[in-house]
């Protein structure tokens, strides 16, 4: 006769002392790491390549425009002494060589961008997978509770290290070497690793991937902005100590060459990872402290699919509008300072007057930056298409189409939301530039008119990008991912094409190349009308395809 066990249920839950700590909490880590690497096999390498291209373009520009030490001293005395440029780029204490000038011109902004990318990567591999129900399936197997978190963090940490290595090696042909290059690596890698720890924690605390991305990215960007205050004003030096981006500035490559801030960033990684593991072990799967507000049980305020599409897309649109508005406000604040660059240089002023007439250098700067912001605004449609893909893979689209709602109406409803969202985001970015310029003393009426004209002519190009992204989703949901390289290509071949010596036919691929940059250029109606017609044709093609393909 088999003896009856006297173990209680609480005894059964006690950890088995014969099982190691690694096996208990990290079983399946290697397999999940391979899965995480496969998931990031396209996005991560493309992101690294973009960082390297931007750094190389900046280095080539510095080498051609400021080839001598005297020219670089003029750079430090001109734009480098401007408070707005110091706010964005940092101090110009050490730009004696081309490599050090490149670190100043591209450094802190791109360092903050690495931090944001690291946060997004961690959240994408943790909370996003949990939202889609995949973590629950994985945890049903022989997988430790911390293995998914550790795998996602490892990939994001490796990404940060690779970016740091690439950005430091780029400096070697331009005169960088020795300890300074190691410090540049520590700047990028340290900020990225600290952001990994932050992303791990926000992914556990926030109940949705959208909130986790928003909170983590906002903390990184806030640190970047706070460290700019002492650079612009000369006061409040303590603000450099409150964030990893400020610590990266304190590393001071080609100057103090201080590696201590890197250790502080590693400390943030350790604390963030430990806190995230503690929260992960004590929360329910799918739960979180920061959660979206629960909606009513029923409502009559969403009577149509158009209203539903607008309601579901509103949080995403607010995030994009707020982010671009903040950056546009900073850019607008810089605009009056750009005009000061020509003061005291009669030859430069004569050249500007001959080429631009009454249009000042500040207006040219504003038009160029609004072009960049318009490309970024078109990326909101990519985010919308990604959400549509998630709705479809989660079988929620089928539920909507089970009602008296046709497929064509469903697609056109989201196309309308995408178009109206583009109008809102570009308008908010333009308003941010006007407000920043006005606060900085650049005037109100004339800049408002100029920015409004520029925003209006940029909208058709952004609509064309958005139409193409939605059409790709209509053909096949997985093709929505191609929206990101399309936006990047539109940026490099359009507003940033002057950084590269590209043939004109290559530049013409970007719709933003064909936009007349009013008021710097005279208005041309033909490209505007053509882009609007092509956008309508692409949306019509997507509508036809979506009506005929399988859903789900």
Protein backbone atom coordinates (compact mmCIF):
# COMPACT_ATOMS: atom_id res chain seq x y z
CA UNK A 1 0.00 0.00 0.00
CA UNK A 2 1.33 3.41 -0.95
CA UNK A 3 1.77 5.63 2.10
CA UNK A 4 -0.30 8.80 2.20
CA UNK A 5 1.81 11.93 2.00
CA UNK A 6 1.53 14.30 4.94
CA UNK A 7 2.95 17.32 3.05
CA UNK A 8 0.72 20.37 3.06
CA UNK A 9 0.11 22.67 0.12
CA UNK A 10 2.42 25.27 1.65
CA UNK A 11 5.17 22.65 1.89
CA UNK A 12 4.74 21.95 -1.82
CA UNK A 13 5.39 25.60 -2.61
CA UNK A 14 8.66 25.70 -0.74
CA UNK A 15 11.72 25.95 -3.05
CA UNK A 16 13.59 22.74 -3.59
CA UNK A 17 17.08 23.22 -2.08
CA UNK A 18 18.53 20.79 -4.61
CA UNK A 19 17.65 23.14 -7.49
CA UNK A 20 20.20 25.88 -8.10
CA UNK A 21 19.28 29.56 -8.11
CA UNK A 22 19.99 29.79 -11.86
CA UNK A 23 17.83 26.79 -12.72
CA UNK A 24 14.99 28.01 -10.52
CA UNK A 25 14.76 31.56 -11.92
CA UNK A 26 16.52 31.50 -15.30
CA UNK A 27 15.64 28.15 -16.87
CA UNK A 28 15.28 28.49 -20.62
CA UNK A 29 17.35 31.68 -20.74
CA UNK A 30 19.57 30.57 -23.61
CA UNK A 31 16.64 29.56 -25.78
CA UNK A 32 14.82 32.82 -25.06
CA UNK A 33 18.01 34.75 -25.79
CA UNK A 34 18.15 33.21 -29.24
CA UNK A 35 14.50 34.12 -29.73
CA UNK A 36 15.16 37.72 -28.63
CA UNK A 37 18.12 38.01 -31.01
CA UNK A 38 15.96 36.74 -33.85
CA UNK A 39 13.22 39.24 -32.98
CA UNK A 40 15.70 42.14 -33.14
CA UNK A 41 17.70 40.82 -36.11
CA UNK A 42 16.49 43.65 -38.39
CA UNK A 43 15.64 46.59 -36.16
CA UNK A 44 18.84 46.55 -34.08
CA UNK A 45 21.37 46.36 -36.96
CA UNK A 46 19.50 49.01 -38.95
CA UNK A 47 19.50 51.30 -35.92
CA UNK A 48 23.25 50.83 -35.42
CA UNK A 49 23.86 51.59 -39.10
CA UNK A 50 21.78 54.78 -38.85
CA UNK A 51 23.83 55.98 -35.87
CA UNK A 52 27.09 55.27 -37.70
CA UNK A 53 25.93 57.02 -40.88
CA UNK A 54 24.87 60.11 -38.94
CA UNK A 55 28.20 60.20 -37.11
CA UNK A 56 30.18 59.75 -40.32
CA UNK A 57 28.18 62.49 -42.03
CA UNK A 58 28.81 64.81 -39.08
CA UNK A 59 32.52 63.99 -39.11
CA UNK A 60 32.78 64.60 -42.85
CA UNK A 61 30.98 67.93 -42.45
CA UNK A 62 33.28 69.04 -39.62
CA UNK A 63 36.38 67.96 -41.55
CA UNK A 64 35.38 69.94 -44.65
CA UNK A 65 34.04 73.08 -42.95
CA UNK A 66 36.54 73.33 -40.07
CA UNK A 67 39.73 71.65 -41.31
CA UNK A 68 42.18 73.68 -39.20
CA UNK A 69 42.54 74.45 -35.51
CA UNK A 70 41.87 78.14 -36.24
CA UNK A 71 38.58 77.30 -37.94
CA UNK A 72 37.56 75.15 -35.00
CA UNK A 73 38.35 78.00 -32.61
CA UNK A 74 36.02 80.16 -34.70
CA UNK A 75 33.41 77.44 -34.34
CA UNK A 76 33.82 77.56 -30.57
CA UNK A 77 33.63 81.36 -30.53
CA UNK A 78 30.62 81.47 -32.89
CA UNK A 79 27.94 78.76 -32.67
CA UNK A 80 29.72 77.13 -29.74
CA UNK A 81 29.29 80.27 -27.64
CA UNK A 82 25.60 80.59 -28.48
CA UNK A 83 23.43 79.68 -25.48
CA UNK A 84 20.87 77.81 -27.59
CA UNK A 85 23.54 75.63 -29.21
CA UNK A 86 25.13 75.02 -25.83
CA UNK A 87 21.74 73.90 -24.52
CA UNK A 88 21.39 71.32 -27.30
CA UNK A 89 25.00 70.21 -27.78
CA UNK A 90 26.86 71.02 -24.59
CA UNK A 91 29.99 73.05 -23.86
CA UNK A 92 32.76 73.60 -26.40
CA UNK A 93 35.70 73.41 -24.01
CA UNK A 94 37.61 70.79 -26.00
CA UNK A 95 37.21 70.90 -29.80
CA UNK A 96 40.88 71.16 -30.73
CA UNK A 97 40.74 68.21 -33.15
CA UNK A 98 38.22 67.07 -35.72
CA UNK A 99 37.31 64.09 -33.56
CA UNK A 100 36.64 66.24 -30.49
CA UNK A 101 34.54 68.64 -32.59
CA UNK A 102 32.50 65.67 -33.84
CA UNK A 103 31.92 64.54 -30.26
CA UNK A 104 30.58 67.99 -29.43
CA UNK A 105 28.41 68.35 -32.55
CA UNK A 106 26.80 64.89 -32.43
CA UNK A 107 27.47 63.67 -28.93
CA UNK A 108 24.82 64.41 -26.31
CA UNK A 109 21.81 64.39 -28.62
CA UNK A 110 22.78 61.04 -30.11
CA UNK A 111 23.70 59.70 -26.67
CA UNK A 112 20.17 60.49 -25.48
CA UNK A 113 18.81 58.83 -28.65
CA UNK A 114 20.72 55.64 -27.77
CA UNK A 115 19.08 55.70 -24.35
CA UNK A 116 15.61 56.02 -25.87
CA UNK A 117 16.30 53.16 -28.30
CA UNK A 118 17.47 50.96 -25.42
CA UNK A 119 14.28 51.62 -23.46
CA UNK A 120 12.13 50.81 -26.49
CA UNK A 121 14.06 47.59 -27.12
CA UNK A 122 13.63 46.33 -23.55
CA UNK A 123 9.92 47.14 -23.48
CA UNK A 124 9.44 45.52 -26.88
CA UNK A 125 10.96 42.30 -25.58
CA UNK A 126 9.12 42.22 -22.24
CA UNK A 127 5.87 44.11 -21.70
CA UNK A 128 4.92 44.05 -25.40
CA UNK A 129 5.35 40.29 -25.54
CA UNK A 130 3.31 40.02 -22.35
CA UNK A 131 0.53 42.13 -23.88
CA UNK A 132 0.37 39.81 -26.87
CA UNK A 133 0.01 36.76 -24.61
CA UNK A 134 3.29 35.17 -25.64
CA UNK A 135 4.95 35.37 -22.23
CA UNK A 136 2.09 33.40 -20.71
CA UNK A 137 2.62 30.63 -23.26
CA UNK A 138 6.37 30.65 -22.68
CA UNK A 139 6.01 30.59 -18.90
CA UNK A 140 3.75 27.53 -19.23
CA UNK A 141 6.85 25.57 -20.21
CA UNK A 142 10.03 24.85 -18.28
CA UNK A 143 11.03 28.51 -18.10
CA UNK A 144 12.19 30.47 -15.08
CA UNK A 145 10.16 33.54 -14.10
CA UNK A 146 13.07 35.92 -14.78
CA UNK A 147 14.33 34.33 -18.01
CA UNK A 148 12.23 36.47 -20.44
CA UNK A 149 13.28 39.68 -18.68
CA UNK A 150 16.94 38.66 -18.65
CA UNK A 151 16.94 37.70 -22.34
CA UNK A 152 15.42 41.02 -23.45
CA UNK A 153 17.83 42.99 -21.22
CA UNK A 154 20.83 41.10 -22.59
CA UNK A 155 19.98 41.96 -26.19
CA UNK A 156 19.40 45.62 -25.34
CA UNK A 157 22.66 45.77 -23.38
CA UNK A 158 24.54 44.22 -26.31
CA UNK A 159 22.96 46.81 -28.61
CA UNK A 160 24.20 49.63 -26.35
CA UNK A 161 27.72 48.21 -26.28
CA UNK A 162 27.83 47.77 -30.06
CA UNK A 163 26.63 51.33 -30.64
CA UNK A 164 29.25 52.64 -28.20
CA UNK A 165 31.96 50.64 -29.92
CA UNK A 166 30.91 51.80 -33.39
CA UNK A 167 30.64 55.47 -32.42
CA UNK A 168 34.08 55.42 -30.81
CA UNK A 169 35.78 53.65 -33.72
CA UNK A 170 34.36 56.19 -36.19
CA UNK A 171 36.53 58.85 -34.51
CA UNK A 172 39.86 57.12 -35.12
CA UNK A 173 40.29 58.24 -38.78
CA UNK A 174 39.55 61.81 -37.69
CA UNK A 175 42.25 62.10 -35.07
CA UNK A 176 40.66 60.28 -32.15
CA UNK A 177 42.70 57.84 -30.12
CA UNK A 178 43.87 56.75 -26.73
CA UNK A 179 41.80 57.19 -23.61
CA UNK A 180 39.45 59.71 -25.26
CA UNK A 181 38.01 57.08 -27.59
CA UNK A 182 37.47 54.77 -24.62
CA UNK A 183 35.61 57.58 -22.84
CA UNK A 184 33.39 58.13 -25.89
CA UNK A 185 32.57 54.42 -25.82
CA UNK A 186 31.74 54.76 -22.13
CA UNK A 187 29.45 57.71 -22.88
CA UNK A 188 27.28 55.80 -25.34
CA UNK A 189 27.46 52.37 -23.73
CA UNK A 190 26.99 53.71 -20.20
CA UNK A 191 23.90 55.75 -21.08
CA UNK A 192 22.46 52.82 -23.02
CA UNK A 193 23.07 50.38 -20.17
CA UNK A 194 21.50 52.76 -17.65
CA UNK A 195 18.50 53.06 -19.97
CA UNK A 196 18.29 49.25 -20.09
CA UNK A 197 17.88 49.21 -16.31
CA UNK A 198 15.28 51.97 -16.56
CA UNK A 199 13.41 50.13 -19.30
CA UNK A 200 13.39 46.89 -17.30
CA UNK A 201 11.77 48.70 -14.37
CA UNK A 202 9.20 50.67 -16.40
CA UNK A 203 8.23 47.49 -18.26
CA UNK A 204 7.35 45.89 -14.93
CA UNK A 205 5.64 48.90 -13.35
CA UNK A 206 3.57 50.03 -16.36
CA UNK A 207 0.61 47.89 -17.36
CA UNK A 208 0.98 48.50 -21.12
CA UNK A 209 3.91 48.77 -23.49
CA UNK A 210 2.73 52.20 -24.61
CA UNK A 211 2.89 53.59 -21.07
CA UNK A 212 6.23 51.86 -20.40
CA UNK A 213 7.75 53.36 -23.56
CA UNK A 214 6.35 56.78 -22.77
CA UNK A 215 7.59 56.85 -19.16
CA UNK A 216 11.04 55.44 -19.91
CA UNK A 217 11.65 57.68 -22.94
CA UNK A 218 10.37 60.74 -21.09
CA UNK A 219 12.83 60.16 -18.23
CA UNK A 220 15.76 59.92 -20.68
CA UNK A 221 14.69 63.04 -22.60
CA UNK A 222 14.07 64.95 -19.36
CA UNK A 223 17.61 64.16 -18.25
CA UNK A 224 18.93 65.45 -21.58
CA UNK A 225 16.98 68.70 -21.20
CA UNK A 226 17.96 69.22 -17.55
CA UNK A 227 21.67 68.94 -18.31
CA UNK A 228 21.21 71.65 -20.94
CA UNK A 229 20.22 74.25 -18.35
CA UNK A 230 23.71 74.69 -16.81
CA UNK A 231 25.29 74.63 -20.28
CA UNK A 232 23.06 77.48 -21.48
CA UNK A 233 23.04 79.59 -18.30
CA UNK A 234 26.29 78.78 -16.53
CA UNK A 235 24.35 78.08 -13.33
CA UNK A 236 22.70 75.05 -11.73
CA UNK A 237 25.66 72.77 -12.42
CA UNK A 238 24.10 70.21 -10.10
CA UNK A 239 21.56 69.36 -12.82
CA UNK A 240 24.29 67.49 -14.70
CA UNK A 241 24.36 64.96 -11.86
CA UNK A 242 20.70 63.92 -11.98
CA UNK A 243 20.70 61.71 -15.09
CA UNK A 244 22.94 59.34 -17.08
CA UNK A 245 22.94 61.83 -20.00
CA UNK A 246 24.40 64.44 -17.68
CA UNK A 247 26.93 61.90 -16.44
CA UNK A 248 27.94 61.26 -20.05
CA UNK A 249 28.68 64.98 -20.42
CA UNK A 250 30.74 64.94 -17.22
CA UNK A 251 32.91 62.17 -18.73
CA UNK A 252 34.39 64.97 -20.92
CA UNK A 253 36.30 63.06 -23.64
CA UNK A 254 39.39 64.83 -25.00
CA UNK A 255 39.40 66.78 -21.73
CA UNK A 256 39.13 65.30 -18.26
CA UNK A 257 38.60 61.78 -19.70
CA UNK A 258 36.67 60.77 -16.60
CA UNK A 259 35.40 57.16 -16.52
CA UNK A 260 33.72 57.43 -13.12
CA UNK A 261 30.32 58.39 -14.64
CA UNK A 262 30.35 55.08 -16.49
CA UNK A 263 30.42 53.28 -13.14
CA UNK A 264 27.43 55.34 -12.01
CA UNK A 265 25.53 54.25 -15.15
CA UNK A 266 26.38 50.64 -14.39
CA UNK A 267 24.96 51.23 -10.92
CA UNK A 268 21.67 52.37 -12.47
CA UNK A 269 21.63 49.19 -14.55
CA UNK A 270 22.16 47.00 -11.49
CA UNK A 271 19.57 48.83 -9.37
CA UNK A 272 17.05 48.86 -12.21
CA UNK A 273 17.54 45.17 -12.95
CA UNK A 274 17.25 44.22 -9.29
CA UNK A 275 14.12 46.33 -8.80
CA UNK A 276 12.55 44.97 -11.99
CA UNK A 277 13.23 41.39 -10.86
CA UNK A 278 11.70 42.10 -7.44
CA UNK A 279 8.55 43.60 -8.99
CA UNK A 280 8.31 40.83 -11.58
CA UNK A 281 8.31 38.13 -8.91
CA UNK A 282 5.51 39.82 -6.96
CA UNK A 283 3.04 41.03 -9.58
CA UNK A 284 0.42 39.20 -11.57
CA UNK A 285 1.13 38.46 -15.20
CA UNK A 286 -0.33 41.36 -17.15
CA UNK A 287 -0.60 43.59 -14.08
CA UNK A 288 1.16 46.84 -13.30
CA UNK A 289 1.10 49.85 -11.03
CA UNK A 290 0.69 52.43 -13.80
CA UNK A 291 -2.35 51.31 -15.77
CA UNK A 292 -4.69 53.06 -18.19
CA UNK A 293 -7.93 54.28 -16.70
CA UNK A 294 -10.73 51.76 -16.97
CA UNK A 295 -13.50 52.76 -19.36
CA UNK A 296 -17.23 52.55 -18.76
CA UNK A 297 -19.09 49.27 -19.16
CA UNK A 298 -21.04 50.72 -22.05
CA UNK A 299 -21.28 53.94 -24.00
CA UNK A 300 -23.32 55.63 -26.67
CA UNK A 301 -20.52 58.07 -27.47
CA UNK A 302 -18.83 55.70 -29.97
CA UNK A 303 -21.65 54.95 -32.40
CA UNK A 304 -19.51 54.41 -35.50
CA UNK A 305 -16.29 52.70 -36.49
CA UNK A 306 -14.83 56.14 -37.26
CA UNK A 307 -15.42 57.24 -33.67
CA UNK A 308 -13.93 53.98 -32.40
CA UNK A 309 -10.81 54.42 -34.54
CA UNK A 310 -10.37 57.97 -33.27
CA UNK A 311 -10.91 56.93 -29.65
CA UNK A 312 -8.38 54.07 -29.77
CA UNK A 313 -5.77 56.16 -31.62
CA UNK A 314 -6.03 59.22 -29.38
CA UNK A 315 -3.44 58.14 -26.74
CA UNK A 316 -0.90 57.32 -29.44
CA UNK A 317 -1.53 60.63 -31.18
CA UNK A 318 -1.17 62.58 -27.94
CA UNK A 319 2.20 60.96 -27.29
CA UNK A 320 3.56 61.87 -30.72
CA UNK A 321 2.16 65.40 -30.55
CA UNK A 322 3.60 66.01 -27.08
CA UNK A 323 7.04 64.69 -28.02
CA UNK A 324 7.34 66.70 -31.23
CA UNK A 325 5.89 69.81 -29.58
CA UNK A 326 8.55 69.67 -26.86
CA UNK A 327 11.37 69.36 -29.37
CA UNK A 328 9.82 72.05 -31.60
CA UNK A 329 9.67 74.40 -28.62
CA UNK A 330 13.40 73.97 -28.07
CA UNK A 331 14.11 74.48 -31.80
CA UNK A 332 11.96 77.61 -31.85
CA UNK A 333 13.83 78.92 -28.83
CA UNK A 334 17.06 78.57 -30.85
CA UNK A 335 15.77 80.40 -33.94
CA UNK A 336 16.60 84.00 -32.85
CA UNK A 337 20.08 82.84 -31.83
CA UNK A 338 20.76 81.61 -35.36
CA UNK A 339 20.34 85.15 -36.64
CA UNK A 340 23.15 86.25 -34.31
CA UNK A 341 25.64 84.01 -36.12
CA UNK A 342 25.82 86.46 -39.02
CA UNK A 343 26.25 89.55 -36.86
CA UNK A 344 29.66 91.17 -37.13
CA UNK A 345 30.49 89.36 -40.39
CA UNK A 346 29.75 91.81 -43.22
CA UNK A 347 30.78 89.41 -45.98
CA UNK A 348 28.50 86.67 -44.64
CA UNK A 349 25.61 89.12 -44.34
CA UNK A 350 26.11 90.32 -47.92
CA UNK A 351 26.06 86.74 -49.20
CA UNK A 352 22.89 85.99 -47.24
CA UNK A 353 21.19 89.13 -48.53
CA UNK A 354 22.12 88.28 -52.12
CA UNK A 355 20.79 84.73 -51.83
CA UNK A 356 17.82 85.13 -49.48
CA UNK A 357 16.77 88.77 -49.75
CA UNK A 358 14.61 89.70 -46.79
CA UNK A 359 14.44 86.08 -45.63
CA UNK A 360 16.83 85.78 -42.72
CA UNK A 361 19.06 82.92 -41.64
CA UNK A 362 16.71 82.17 -38.76
CA UNK A 363 13.83 81.55 -41.18
CA UNK A 364 15.98 79.15 -43.23
CA UNK A 365 16.84 77.31 -40.02
CA UNK A 366 13.17 77.13 -39.00
CA UNK A 367 12.08 75.84 -42.41
CA UNK A 368 14.77 73.15 -42.40
CA UNK A 369 13.96 71.98 -38.89
CA UNK A 370 10.23 71.91 -39.57
CA UNK A 371 10.98 69.68 -42.56
CA UNK A 372 12.75 67.24 -40.23
CA UNK A 373 9.85 67.40 -37.76
CA UNK A 374 7.38 66.71 -40.58
CA UNK A 375 9.24 63.53 -41.48
CA UNK A 376 9.09 62.54 -37.81
CA UNK A 377 5.35 63.32 -37.84
CA UNK A 378 4.83 60.85 -40.69
CA UNK A 379 6.25 58.15 -38.40
CA UNK A 380 3.08 58.43 -36.30
CA UNK A 381 1.25 56.65 -39.14
CA UNK A 382 3.77 53.82 -38.89
CA UNK A 383 2.89 53.51 -35.21
CA UNK A 384 -0.80 53.48 -36.15
CA UNK A 385 -0.23 50.74 -38.72
CA UNK A 386 1.66 48.71 -36.11
CA UNK A 387 -1.32 49.05 -33.79
CA UNK A 388 -3.67 47.93 -36.55
CA UNK A 389 -1.48 44.90 -37.04
CA UNK A 390 -1.64 44.13 -33.30
CA UNK A 391 -5.43 44.53 -33.33
CA UNK A 392 -5.66 42.08 -36.20
CA UNK A 393 -3.30 39.52 -34.69
CA UNK A 394 -5.26 39.75 -31.43
CA UNK A 395 -8.50 38.90 -33.30
CA UNK A 396 -10.10 42.20 -32.26
CA UNK A 397 -10.45 43.32 -35.87
CA UNK A 398 -12.60 40.26 -36.58
CA UNK A 399 -14.91 41.23 -33.72
CA UNK A 400 -15.44 44.68 -35.23
CA UNK A 401 -15.98 43.28 -38.72
CA UNK A 402 -18.56 40.85 -37.30
CA UNK A 403 -20.80 43.90 -36.78
CA UNK A 404 -22.51 45.68 -39.70
CA UNK A 405 -19.16 47.28 -40.60
CA UNK A 406 -17.62 46.65 -43.99
CA UNK A 407 -13.91 46.07 -44.46
CA UNK A 408 -13.63 49.08 -46.72
CA UNK A 409 -15.19 51.36 -44.15
CA UNK A 410 -12.89 50.01 -41.44
CA UNK A 411 -9.80 50.74 -43.55
CA UNK A 412 -10.96 54.18 -44.65
CA UNK A 413 -11.83 55.11 -41.06
CA UNK A 414 -8.25 54.51 -39.98
CA UNK A 415 -6.92 56.23 -43.11
CA UNK A 416 -8.95 59.31 -42.14
CA UNK A 417 -7.62 59.14 -38.57
CA UNK A 418 -4.07 58.88 -39.94
CA UNK A 419 -4.54 61.94 -42.16
CA UNK A 420 -6.15 64.04 -39.45
CA UNK A 421 -3.45 62.93 -37.02
CA UNK A 422 -0.75 64.14 -39.43
CA UNK A 423 -2.47 67.51 -39.64
CA UNK A 424 -2.62 67.74 -35.85
CA UNK A 425 0.99 66.65 -35.23
CA UNK A 426 2.48 68.99 -37.86
CA UNK A 427 0.30 71.86 -36.64
CA UNK A 428 1.36 71.26 -33.03
CA UNK A 429 5.04 71.13 -34.07
CA UNK A 430 4.65 74.38 -35.99
CA UNK A 431 2.93 76.00 -33.00
CA UNK A 432 5.75 74.85 -30.72
CA UNK A 433 8.33 76.50 -32.96
CA UNK A 434 6.34 79.74 -33.09
CA UNK A 435 5.92 79.83 -29.30
CA UNK A 436 9.59 79.06 -28.64
CA UNK A 437 10.69 81.71 -31.12
CA UNK A 438 8.34 84.27 -29.61
CA UNK A 439 9.46 83.58 -26.05
CA UNK A 440 13.09 83.98 -27.12
CA UNK A 441 12.33 87.41 -28.58
CA UNK A 442 12.10 86.51 -32.26
CA UNK A 443 8.70 88.10 -32.83
CA UNK A 444 5.26 86.62 -33.41
CA UNK A 445 3.38 87.76 -36.51
CA UNK A 446 5.91 87.26 -39.32
CA UNK A 447 7.36 83.99 -37.94
CA UNK A 448 3.82 82.65 -37.50
CA UNK A 449 2.99 83.36 -41.14
CA UNK A 450 6.25 81.81 -42.38
CA UNK A 451 5.94 78.67 -40.26
CA UNK A 452 2.28 78.23 -41.23
CA UNK A 453 3.20 78.43 -44.93
CA UNK A 454 5.99 75.89 -44.52
CA UNK A 455 3.79 73.48 -42.55
CA UNK A 456 1.06 73.66 -45.19
CA UNK A 457 3.36 72.76 -48.08
CA UNK A 458 5.04 69.95 -46.09
CA UNK A 459 1.76 68.21 -45.30
CA UNK A 460 1.26 66.55 -48.76
CA UNK A 461 4.68 64.86 -48.52
CA UNK A 462 3.85 63.51 -45.06
CA UNK A 463 0.46 62.32 -46.32
CA UNK A 464 2.17 60.44 -49.14
CA UNK A 465 4.40 58.59 -46.67
CA UNK A 466 1.40 57.79 -44.50
CA UNK A 467 -0.64 56.52 -47.46
CA UNK A 468 2.19 54.21 -48.51
CA UNK A 469 2.52 52.76 -44.99
CA UNK A 470 -1.22 52.07 -44.70
CA UNK A 471 -1.22 50.47 -48.15
CA UNK A 472 1.58 48.13 -47.07
CA UNK A 473 -0.49 47.09 -44.06
CA UNK A 474 -3.47 46.52 -46.35
CA UNK A 475 -1.41 44.21 -48.55
CA UNK A 476 -0.06 42.23 -45.61
CA UNK A 477 -0.01 43.13 -41.91
CA UNK A 478 3.65 42.17 -41.47
CA UNK A 479 4.64 44.75 -44.10
CA UNK A 480 3.72 47.53 -41.66
CA UNK A 481 7.25 47.10 -40.24
CA UNK A 482 8.64 48.49 -43.52
CA UNK A 483 7.23 51.86 -42.56
CA UNK A 484 10.23 52.58 -40.35
CA UNK A 485 12.90 52.23 -43.07
CA UNK A 486 10.64 54.23 -45.39
CA UNK A 487 10.55 57.12 -42.91
CA UNK A 488 14.32 56.92 -42.36
CA UNK A 489 14.93 56.93 -46.13
CA UNK A 490 12.61 59.92 -46.55
CA UNK A 491 14.64 61.77 -43.90
CA UNK A 492 18.10 60.98 -45.29
CA UNK A 493 17.14 61.54 -48.92
CA UNK A 494 15.06 64.62 -48.15
CA UNK A 495 15.87 67.17 -45.40
CA UNK A 496 19.25 65.59 -44.57
CA UNK A 497 20.35 64.91 -48.15
CA UNK A 498 22.70 67.90 -48.04
CA UNK A 499 24.92 65.97 -45.63
CA UNK A 500 25.69 63.42 -48.35
CA UNK A 501 26.94 63.83 -51.90
CA UNK A 502 24.07 61.95 -53.51
CA UNK A 503 22.96 62.21 -57.14
CA UNK A 504 19.74 64.10 -57.73
CA UNK A 505 17.81 61.05 -58.90
CA UNK A 506 18.47 59.41 -55.53
CA UNK A 507 17.28 62.50 -53.65
CA UNK A 508 14.14 62.57 -55.78
CA UNK A 509 13.01 59.29 -54.17
CA UNK A 510 11.99 61.21 -51.05
CA UNK A 511 8.75 63.19 -51.47
CA UNK A 512 10.18 65.88 -49.20
CA UNK A 513 12.76 66.68 -51.89
CA UNK A 514 9.96 67.99 -54.13
CA UNK A 515 8.40 70.24 -51.49
CA UNK A 516 8.86 73.98 -52.20
CA UNK A 517 10.21 75.32 -48.92
CA UNK A 518 8.08 78.42 -48.73
CA UNK A 519 8.96 81.24 -47.94
CA UNK A 520 12.61 80.51 -48.76
CA UNK A 521 11.56 79.26 -52.21
CA UNK A 522 8.66 80.34 -54.40
CA UNK A 523 5.52 78.24 -54.26
CA UNK A 524 5.15 75.47 -56.86
CA UNK A 525 1.69 73.93 -57.07
CA UNK A 526 2.44 71.03 -59.42
CA UNK A 527 4.40 68.80 -56.96
CA UNK A 528 1.85 69.53 -54.22
CA UNK A 529 -1.11 68.51 -56.37
CA UNK A 530 0.72 65.46 -57.71
CA UNK A 531 1.59 64.21 -54.21
CA UNK A 532 -2.01 64.63 -53.05
CA UNK A 533 -3.31 62.71 -56.10
CA UNK A 534 -0.75 59.93 -55.66
CA UNK A 535 -1.65 59.66 -51.96
CA UNK A 536 -5.34 59.29 -52.83
CA UNK A 537 -4.51 56.63 -55.44
CA UNK A 538 -2.38 54.66 -52.98
CA UNK A 539 -5.12 54.76 -50.33
CA UNK A 540 -7.64 53.58 -52.95
CA UNK A 541 -5.35 50.68 -53.83
CA UNK A 542 -4.99 49.77 -50.16
CA UNK A 543 -8.76 49.93 -49.76
CA UNK A 544 -9.27 47.49 -52.65
CA UNK A 545 -6.63 45.10 -51.32
CA UNK A 546 -7.93 45.15 -47.73
CA UNK A 547 -11.42 44.25 -48.92
CA UNK A 548 -10.11 41.07 -50.58
CA UNK A 549 -7.42 39.64 -48.31
CA UNK A 550 -7.91 37.37 -45.31
CA UNK A 551 -8.09 39.07 -41.92
CA UNK A 552 -6.34 37.57 -38.92
